[in-house]
């Protein structure tokens, strides 16, 4: 198998040659106890787990100035996929996967120019996270293990946790338009879940997180179709209608569930298909039913409802009223110790592809959500 060397620009445009001989490298299988997985992942084949959902990831600590990560895209041969890499807490870049074969990708730790000490040595340990940049409907990415000098212990996982439920905004669609210009390539070429508001918030608050998100999806209708909507797919691992693989809700029990759905319900569609006017009553009743599902899965969780930076004006006012109606429905009952909270986005104008938020817009979203979540949760 031919290895691919990733020139990852963080500290320097120059890279140290590896000081480790290939013969000294150890192969670690995906089942190794020192690997940490997060998000919607299919473990049906434990020796070849599949990263399914947006921002699903594998993380590990490796020794030395490089490691080899084994990855395989599982979508059709004519399509590609993407992962994003984070090394020692720093974003390293997005990597395009183009082959339907398990292949090694070598990650080289950079050096600091002008420093008397190298950034890495054969003795140093580094933390690498491999994160799925795309979403479930773009196909899975198989992880085949890692080859390195040795694996080390990761710091303890954060105690707090958040699940972000949403649509294309939560997926990070349209984020990386400077890397791949809008209206070029395929529709997901600008996806990068790493820079979406949810992972940004989680990194800032030091929480575990999971994204349950699908582009174009709504609460009672989608962007340009009546179904399947989020309540139809949420309980399935792949966020589709193929229910033979259910998501195991015991794998992740969030302290906070943040829901950002409604953008597509309010959408006018493509202007070609016939589309009825938005129905507030159906939207609210569907939302209430979905929140009941959340409470059935996580009885003690805190629920937060978000409007959308993509919905404004008169529609935005109706949207906020609908969420407040859902909030009032649950809070007036007085049966829960954690009242539902609502956040209304204001003054954020999307600049990404298809009027989606880009990196800077997601940074703005995270900036306003962080104090909101902290206040609601008492963090």
Foldseek 3Di string as FASTA:
>chain_A
DDEAEDQFDDADSDFDDWPDDPVLKDWDFQQDPQKDWAALWDCPPVRKIWDAFAFTKIKFKAATFKKKWWKAFDDDQVDKFWKWKDKQNHTGGIDIGRGRDTHIYMYGHGFHPPDPDGPHGRGDMMMMMITGQAGRVRGIMITNTMMHNDTDHDDDQDPAEEEEEEEVLQQQFQAQCVVPPFPDDDRRPRGGNCLHLVVVLCVVVRHGYYYHYYHQAALQQGQAGRDDHQVCQVQASSSDNPRPHGDDLVVDAHQEYEYEHDLSLCHPHPVPDDDDHRDLVVRLVSVLVVVVVVCVSHVNHAYEYEYDLQDDDPRLVSRVVSVVVSQCVPVVVVPHPQRYYYDYDDDQFADGHPRHHYSVSSVVVNVVVNVVVCVSVVD
